[in-house]
Protein backbone atom coordinates (compact mmCIF):
# COMPACT_ATOMS: atom_id res chain seq x y z
CA MET A 1 2.66 13.81 -32.67
CA LYS A 2 2.57 11.20 -29.94
CA ARG A 3 0.79 7.91 -30.55
CA VAL A 4 -2.48 7.32 -28.69
CA LEU A 5 -3.63 3.86 -27.61
CA HIS A 6 -7.29 3.20 -26.89
CA GLY A 7 -8.44 0.83 -24.16
CA ILE A 8 -11.45 -0.37 -22.21
CA ASP A 9 -12.03 -1.85 -18.77
CA VAL A 10 -14.64 -4.41 -17.77
CA SER A 11 -16.01 -6.37 -14.83
CA ASN A 12 -18.79 -8.86 -14.19
CA TRP A 13 -21.27 -6.04 -14.91
CA GLN A 14 -20.51 -6.36 -18.62
CA GLY A 15 -21.12 -10.11 -18.72
CA SER A 16 -19.78 -11.79 -21.86
CA VAL A 17 -17.41 -9.47 -23.76
CA ASN A 18 -16.77 -9.79 -27.49
CA TRP A 19 -13.04 -9.20 -27.40
CA ALA A 20 -12.48 -9.83 -31.10
CA ARG A 21 -14.97 -7.11 -31.97
CA HIS A 22 -13.32 -4.61 -29.62
CA ALA A 23 -9.94 -5.43 -31.17
CA ASP A 24 -11.39 -4.83 -34.63
CA ASP A 25 -12.67 -1.47 -33.37
CA GLY A 26 -9.14 -0.41 -32.44
CA VAL A 27 -8.97 -1.31 -28.74
CA ALA A 28 -5.29 -1.98 -27.99
CA PHE A 29 -5.35 -2.57 -24.24
CA ALA A 30 -7.83 -3.57 -21.56
CA PHE A 31 -8.22 -4.13 -17.86
CA ALA A 32 -10.55 -6.72 -16.35
CA LYS A 33 -11.62 -6.96 -12.73
CA ALA A 34 -10.04 -10.00 -11.09
CA SER A 35 -10.96 -9.70 -7.44
CA GLU A 36 -12.41 -7.64 -4.60
CA GLY A 37 -11.62 -7.75 -0.92
CA GLY A 38 -10.10 -10.92 0.51
CA ASP A 39 -12.25 -13.58 -1.09
CA TYR A 40 -14.36 -12.33 -4.04
CA THR A 41 -13.38 -13.48 -7.52
CA ASP A 42 -14.99 -11.94 -10.60
CA LYS A 43 -16.64 -14.91 -12.32
CA TRP A 44 -15.83 -13.53 -15.79
CA PHE A 45 -12.16 -12.80 -15.13
CA ALA A 46 -10.58 -15.97 -16.52
CA ARG A 47 -12.66 -15.70 -19.68
CA ASN A 48 -11.80 -12.00 -20.05
CA TRP A 49 -8.09 -12.57 -19.35
CA ASN A 50 -7.87 -15.21 -22.06
CA GLY A 51 -10.10 -13.24 -24.44
CA MET A 52 -7.82 -10.21 -24.23
CA ARG A 53 -4.79 -12.39 -24.86
CA GLU A 54 -6.36 -14.15 -27.84
CA SER A 55 -7.17 -10.72 -29.33
CA TRP A 56 -3.54 -9.55 -28.95
CA MET A 57 -4.36 -6.75 -26.55
CA VAL A 58 -2.13 -5.52 -23.76
CA CYS A 59 -3.71 -7.34 -20.81
CA GLY A 60 -4.46 -5.70 -17.48
CA ALA A 61 -6.02 -7.06 -14.28
CA TYR A 62 -7.31 -5.02 -11.36
CA HIS A 63 -8.26 -5.57 -7.74
CA PHE A 64 -11.07 -3.60 -6.11
CA ALA A 65 -9.70 -2.52 -2.73
CA ARG A 66 -11.61 -2.92 0.51
CA PRO A 67 -9.44 -0.79 2.81
CA LYS A 68 -10.91 -2.03 6.09
CA GLY A 69 -9.58 -5.50 5.27
CA ASP A 70 -6.07 -6.94 5.36
CA PRO A 71 -3.99 -5.63 2.42
CA ILE A 72 -1.70 -8.67 2.37
CA GLU A 73 -4.63 -11.09 2.36
CA GLN A 74 -6.21 -9.14 -0.49
CA ALA A 75 -2.96 -8.99 -2.47
CA ARG A 76 -2.46 -12.76 -2.11
CA HIS A 77 -6.03 -13.36 -3.24
CA PHE A 78 -5.58 -11.11 -6.28
CA LEU A 79 -2.36 -12.81 -7.37
CA GLY A 80 -3.96 -16.21 -6.83
CA VAL A 81 -6.88 -15.30 -9.10
CA ILE A 82 -4.47 -14.23 -11.85
CA GLY A 83 -2.46 -17.40 -11.38
CA SER A 84 -5.57 -19.56 -11.70
CA ALA A 85 -6.43 -17.81 -14.97
CA GLY A 86 -3.05 -18.55 -16.55
CA GLY A 87 -0.72 -16.15 -14.78
CA LEU A 88 1.24 -13.11 -15.88
CA ARG A 89 3.14 -12.84 -19.16
CA ARG A 90 5.60 -10.25 -20.37
CA GLY A 91 3.96 -6.83 -20.71
CA ASP A 92 0.87 -7.59 -18.61
CA LEU A 93 -0.39 -4.78 -16.36
CA ILE A 94 -1.96 -4.79 -12.89
CA ALA A 95 -3.88 -2.12 -10.98
CA LEU A 96 -5.38 -1.34 -7.61
CA ASP A 97 -8.87 0.14 -7.86
CA LEU A 98 -8.90 2.65 -5.01
CA GLU A 99 -12.27 4.39 -4.93
CA THR A 100 -13.99 3.50 -1.66
CA ASN A 101 -12.83 4.17 1.89
CA ASP A 102 -15.17 1.67 3.58
CA ARG A 103 -15.69 4.43 6.18
CA ALA A 104 -12.02 4.30 7.10
CA ARG A 105 -9.97 7.44 7.62
CA PRO A 106 -7.92 8.65 4.63
CA GLU A 107 -4.60 7.79 6.26
CA ARG A 108 -5.74 4.20 6.82
CA VAL A 109 -6.86 3.90 3.20
CA ALA A 110 -3.53 5.24 1.97
CA ARG A 111 -1.59 2.90 4.29
CA PHE A 112 -3.65 -0.06 3.03
CA ALA A 113 -2.87 0.88 -0.59
CA ARG A 114 0.85 1.30 0.05
CA ARG A 115 1.11 -2.10 1.76
CA TRP A 116 -0.92 -3.81 -0.99
CA CYS A 117 1.27 -2.30 -3.70
CA GLN A 118 4.50 -3.10 -1.89
CA PHE A 119 3.49 -6.74 -1.48
CA VAL A 120 2.44 -7.12 -5.12
CA GLU A 121 5.56 -5.38 -6.36
CA ARG A 122 7.79 -7.56 -4.20
CA TYR A 123 6.25 -10.78 -5.51
CA THR A 124 5.91 -9.83 -9.19
CA GLY A 125 8.52 -7.12 -9.78
CA LEU A 126 5.63 -5.19 -11.31
CA ARG A 127 4.63 -1.70 -10.23
CA PRO A 128 0.83 -1.48 -10.01
CA PHE A 129 -1.25 1.31 -11.49
CA ILE A 130 -3.48 3.19 -9.07
CA TYR A 131 -6.99 3.69 -10.39
CA THR A 132 -8.78 6.49 -8.60
CA PHE A 133 -10.88 9.66 -8.91
CA GLN A 134 -9.76 13.25 -8.42
CA ALA A 135 -11.99 13.87 -5.39
CA PHE A 136 -10.85 10.65 -3.71
CA ALA A 137 -7.19 11.51 -4.19
CA ARG A 138 -7.73 15.09 -3.02
CA GLY A 139 -9.26 13.70 0.16
CA GLY A 140 -5.87 12.31 1.18
CA HIS A 141 -6.65 8.66 0.39
CA CYS A 142 -3.66 8.30 -1.95
CA ALA A 143 -0.87 9.77 0.17
CA GLY A 144 2.49 8.20 -0.60
CA LEU A 145 1.37 6.68 -3.90
CA GLY A 146 2.77 9.32 -6.24
CA ASP A 147 5.52 7.02 -7.55
CA TYR A 148 2.96 4.57 -8.92
CA PRO A 149 1.47 5.21 -12.39
CA LEU A 150 -1.90 6.96 -12.22
CA TRP A 151 -4.96 5.57 -13.98
CA LEU A 152 -7.32 8.50 -13.52
CA ALA A 153 -11.09 8.27 -13.82
CA SER A 154 -12.21 11.67 -15.03
CA PRO A 155 -15.13 11.32 -17.48
CA ALA A 156 -16.03 15.00 -17.19
CA SER A 157 -12.64 16.05 -18.61
CA PRO A 158 -11.69 16.29 -22.30
CA ARG A 159 -10.05 13.10 -23.47
CA GLY A 160 -6.37 13.12 -22.57
CA ARG A 161 -6.58 16.41 -20.64
CA PRO A 162 -7.74 15.67 -17.08
CA PRO A 163 -6.59 17.78 -14.13
CA VAL A 164 -4.11 15.70 -12.12
CA PRO A 165 -4.60 15.42 -8.34
CA ARG A 166 -1.80 15.26 -5.81
CA PRO A 167 0.36 13.33 -5.05
CA TRP A 168 0.82 12.81 -8.80
CA ASN A 169 2.39 15.18 -11.31
CA ASP A 170 0.93 13.48 -14.38
CA TRP A 171 -1.50 10.79 -15.44
CA THR A 172 -0.60 7.60 -17.32
CA ILE A 173 -4.04 6.32 -18.32
CA HIS A 174 -7.15 8.51 -18.53
CA GLN A 175 -10.57 6.91 -18.22
CA TYR A 176 -12.53 9.50 -20.15
CA ALA A 177 -15.92 7.82 -20.71
CA SER A 178 -18.09 5.31 -18.88
CA SER A 179 -20.92 4.54 -21.29
CA PRO A 180 -21.70 2.08 -22.78
CA VAL A 181 -18.33 0.72 -21.63
CA ASP A 182 -15.47 2.38 -19.72
CA ARG A 183 -13.06 3.89 -22.24
CA ASN A 184 -9.44 4.78 -21.63
CA VAL A 185 -6.55 6.42 -23.45
CA PHE A 186 -2.78 6.08 -23.09
CA HIS A 187 -0.48 8.61 -24.75
CA GLY A 188 2.30 6.48 -26.15
CA SER A 189 3.07 3.35 -28.12
CA ARG A 190 2.27 -0.26 -27.32
CA GLN A 191 5.94 -0.77 -26.50
CA GLU A 192 5.85 2.15 -24.05
CA LEU A 193 2.76 0.73 -22.35
CA THR A 194 4.13 -2.80 -22.06
CA SER A 195 7.38 -1.37 -20.64
CA LEU A 196 5.26 -0.58 -17.56
CA GLY A 197 4.18 -4.21 -17.41
CA PHE A 198 5.42 -7.57 -16.18
CA ASP A 199 8.98 -8.57 -16.99
CA PRO A 200 9.77 -12.19 -16.01
CA ARG A 201 13.55 -11.67 -16.02
């Protein structure tokens, strides 16, 4: 039977997070919001980034996309926020939170996401996760992103069994609950998860 890792994700909405307690409760990985748009920095990110690390979790950072903005500007801002918090280490994960179109057409949203991911991948060697919802993906907002690992928000689905939207064939992380904190599952080992992460070589 395949190993299952449990994770959470947080942002400024959670305020101060007790990372040691979550680790004691079996949380093995986590994502924290780092940035949004071209200039917003989550005020809790540096504390969360270091708290995850101190609790020996697999560390993830995500950027909340604003598709009407400049994807390169937003990617630079995101990487700068991570750098200011201590930077990337081996096995760290990154993600693009793609859930709003900012009233842009689906093809523009998808083009924004592709350019953001390509920039980040070029500068880090790290392939970002795409966090999104089934309805958003089905609307065409994720065209051309099927080669990136899918972090699927589907709280109405049984844990580990969400329907997968195109252009993906499978999910990598399933966000299966959102209360009192967002909860996620990864089917695999810690080594398998960190193999999707940063490699400084």
